């Protein structure tokens, strides 16, 4: 039972890391800094272990999907990431 609790907590901690980086990016309000903050969120989340890395991948993939299809930034910006 203890192992399941640890596994569940790691992805949620990784998601919190990604959200914190997003929140910091919004607060900084600096054009072109999104890639830095996204990379920082990925790094922080991945340091939490497999669950954190999984959360970072899921969130990153969702960001890429949104960026390439909904935001209008297109495939070129997605390739740069």
C-alpha atoms as a PDB file:
ATOM      1  CA  UNK A   1       0.000   0.000   0.000  1.00  0.00           C
ATOM      2  CA  UNK A   2       2.800   2.418   0.812  1.00  0.00           C
ATOM      3  CA  UNK A   3       4.341   1.982  -2.651  1.00  0.00           C
ATOM      4  CA  UNK A   4       1.086   3.061  -4.325  1.00  0.00           C
ATOM      5  CA  UNK A   5       0.949   6.248  -2.265  1.00  0.00           C
ATOM      6  CA  UNK A   6       4.506   7.141  -3.251  1.00  0.00           C
ATOM      7  CA  UNK A   7       3.812   6.472  -6.944  1.00  0.00           C
ATOM      8  CA  UNK A   8       0.729   8.698  -6.877  1.00  0.00           C
ATOM      9  CA  UNK A   9       2.525  11.515  -5.079  1.00  0.00           C
ATOM     10  CA  UNK A  10       5.403  11.739  -7.571  1.00  0.00           C
ATOM     11  CA  UNK A  11       3.309  12.589 -10.652  1.00  0.00           C
ATOM     12  CA  UNK A  12       1.311  15.135  -8.666  1.00  0.00           C
ATOM     13  CA  UNK A  13       4.546  16.718  -7.432  1.00  0.00           C
ATOM     14  CA  UNK A  14       5.834  16.808 -10.999  1.00  0.00           C
ATOM     15  CA  UNK A  15       2.619  18.456 -12.149  1.00  0.00           C
ATOM     16  CA  UNK A  16       3.029  21.023  -9.370  1.00  0.00           C
ATOM     17  CA  UNK A  17       6.564  21.749 -10.608  1.00  0.00           C
ATOM     18  CA  UNK A  18       5.258  22.322 -14.123  1.00  0.00           C
ATOM     19  CA  UNK A  19       2.488  24.579 -12.820  1.00  0.00           C
ATOM     20  CA  UNK A  20       4.917  26.564 -10.668  1.00  0.00           C
ATOM     21  CA  UNK A  21       7.139  27.186 -13.716  1.00  0.00           C
ATOM     22  CA  UNK A  22       4.071  28.264 -15.712  1.00  0.00           C
ATOM     23  CA  UNK A  23       2.974  30.602 -12.931  1.00  0.00           C
ATOM     24  CA  UNK A  24       6.483  32.092 -12.720  1.00  0.00           C
ATOM     25  CA  UNK A  25       6.477  32.605 -16.494  1.00  0.00           C
ATOM     26  CA  UNK A  26       3.176  34.465 -16.337  1.00  0.00           C
ATOM     27  CA  UNK A  27       4.464  36.607 -13.493  1.00  0.00           C
ATOM     28  CA  UNK A  28       7.721  37.397 -15.324  1.00  0.00           C
ATOM     29  CA  UNK A  29       5.685  38.442 -18.383  1.00  0.00           C
ATOM     30  CA  UNK A  30       8.778  38.420 -20.573  1.00  0.00           C
ATOM     31  CA  UNK A  31       8.298  37.761 -24.275  1.00  0.00           C
ATOM     32  CA  UNK A  32      10.101  34.678 -25.552  1.00  0.00           C
ATOM     33  CA  UNK A  33      10.791  33.222 -22.094  1.00  0.00           C
ATOM     34  CA  UNK A  34       8.254  30.402 -22.386  1.00  0.00           C
ATOM     35  CA  UNK A  35      10.833  27.849 -23.521  1.00  0.00           C
ATOM     36  CA  UNK A  36      13.062  28.605 -20.534  1.00  0.00           C
ATOM     37  CA  UNK A  37      10.235  28.216 -18.037  1.00  0.00           C
ATOM     38  CA  UNK A  38       8.944  25.085 -19.756  1.00  0.00           C
ATOM     39  CA  UNK A  39      12.428  23.545 -19.626  1.00  0.00           C
ATOM     40  CA  UNK A  40      12.758  24.509 -15.966  1.00  0.00           C
ATOM     41  CA  UNK A  41       9.434  22.885 -15.157  1.00  0.00           C
ATOM     42  CA  UNK A  42      10.481  19.716 -17.009  1.00  0.00           C
ATOM     43  CA  UNK A  43      13.786  19.614 -15.151  1.00  0.00           C
ATOM     44  CA  UNK A  44      12.230  20.122 -11.723  1.00  0.00           C
ATOM     45  CA  UNK A  45       9.530  17.528 -12.379  1.00  0.00           C
ATOM     46  CA  UNK A  46      11.941  14.932 -13.779  1.00  0.00           C
ATOM     47  CA  UNK A  47      14.142  15.217 -10.686  1.00  0.00           C
ATOM     48  CA  UNK A  48      11.265  13.735  -8.691  1.00  0.00           C
ATOM     49  CA  UNK A  49      11.795  10.375 -10.352  1.00  0.00           C
ATOM     50  CA  UNK A  50       9.782   8.286 -12.813  1.00  0.00           C
ATOM     51  CA  UNK A  51       6.416   9.683 -11.738  1.00  0.00           C
ATOM     52  CA  UNK A  52       7.594  13.271 -12.058  1.00  0.00           C
ATOM     53  CA  UNK A  53       9.184  12.560 -15.435  1.00  0.00           C
ATOM     54  CA  UNK A  54       5.925  10.959 -16.572  1.00  0.00           C
ATOM     55  CA  UNK A  55       3.934  14.032 -15.497  1.00  0.00           C
ATOM     56  CA  UNK A  56       6.381  16.323 -17.298  1.00  0.00           C
ATOM     57  CA  UNK A  57       6.076  14.268 -20.498  1.00  0.00           C
ATOM     58  CA  UNK A  58       2.278  14.246 -20.409  1.00  0.00           C
ATOM     59  CA  UNK A  59       2.113  18.001 -19.803  1.00  0.00           C
ATOM     60  CA  UNK A  60       4.785  18.701 -22.441  1.00  0.00           C
ATOM     61  CA  UNK A  61       3.001  16.579 -25.025  1.00  0.00           C
ATOM     62  CA  UNK A  62      -0.257  18.400 -24.285  1.00  0.00           C
ATOM     63  CA  UNK A  63       1.521  21.751 -24.671  1.00  0.00           C
ATOM     64  CA  UNK A  64       2.998  20.676 -28.001  1.00  0.00           C
ATOM     65  CA  UNK A  65      -0.370  19.478 -29.248  1.00  0.00           C
ATOM     66  CA  UNK A  66      -2.049  22.712 -28.252  1.00  0.00           C
ATOM     67  CA  UNK A  67       0.766  24.827 -29.633  1.00  0.00           C
ATOM     68  CA  UNK A  68       0.788  23.169 -33.032  1.00  0.00           C
ATOM     69  CA  UNK A  69      -2.957  22.885 -33.588  1.00  0.00           C
ATOM     70  CA  UNK A  70      -4.812  25.496 -31.542  1.00  0.00           C
ATOM     71  CA  UNK A  71      -2.544  28.430 -30.763  1.00  0.00           C
ATOM     72  CA  UNK A  72      -1.670  29.249 -34.361  1.00  0.00           C
ATOM     73  CA  UNK A  73       2.065  29.171 -33.692  1.00  0.00           C
ATOM     74  CA  UNK A  74       2.396  26.329 -36.126  1.00  0.00           C
ATOM     75  CA  UNK A  75       4.678  23.421 -36.694  1.00  0.00           C
ATOM     76  CA  UNK A  76       7.860  25.500 -36.933  1.00  0.00           C
ATOM     77  CA  UNK A  77       7.673  26.626 -33.318  1.00  0.00           C
ATOM     78  CA  UNK A  78       6.789  23.101 -32.251  1.00  0.00           C
ATOM     79  CA  UNK A  79       9.869  21.740 -34.054  1.00  0.00           C
ATOM     80  CA  UNK A  80      12.066  24.274 -32.244  1.00  0.00           C
ATOM     81  CA  UNK A  81      10.897  22.890 -28.917  1.00  0.00           C
END
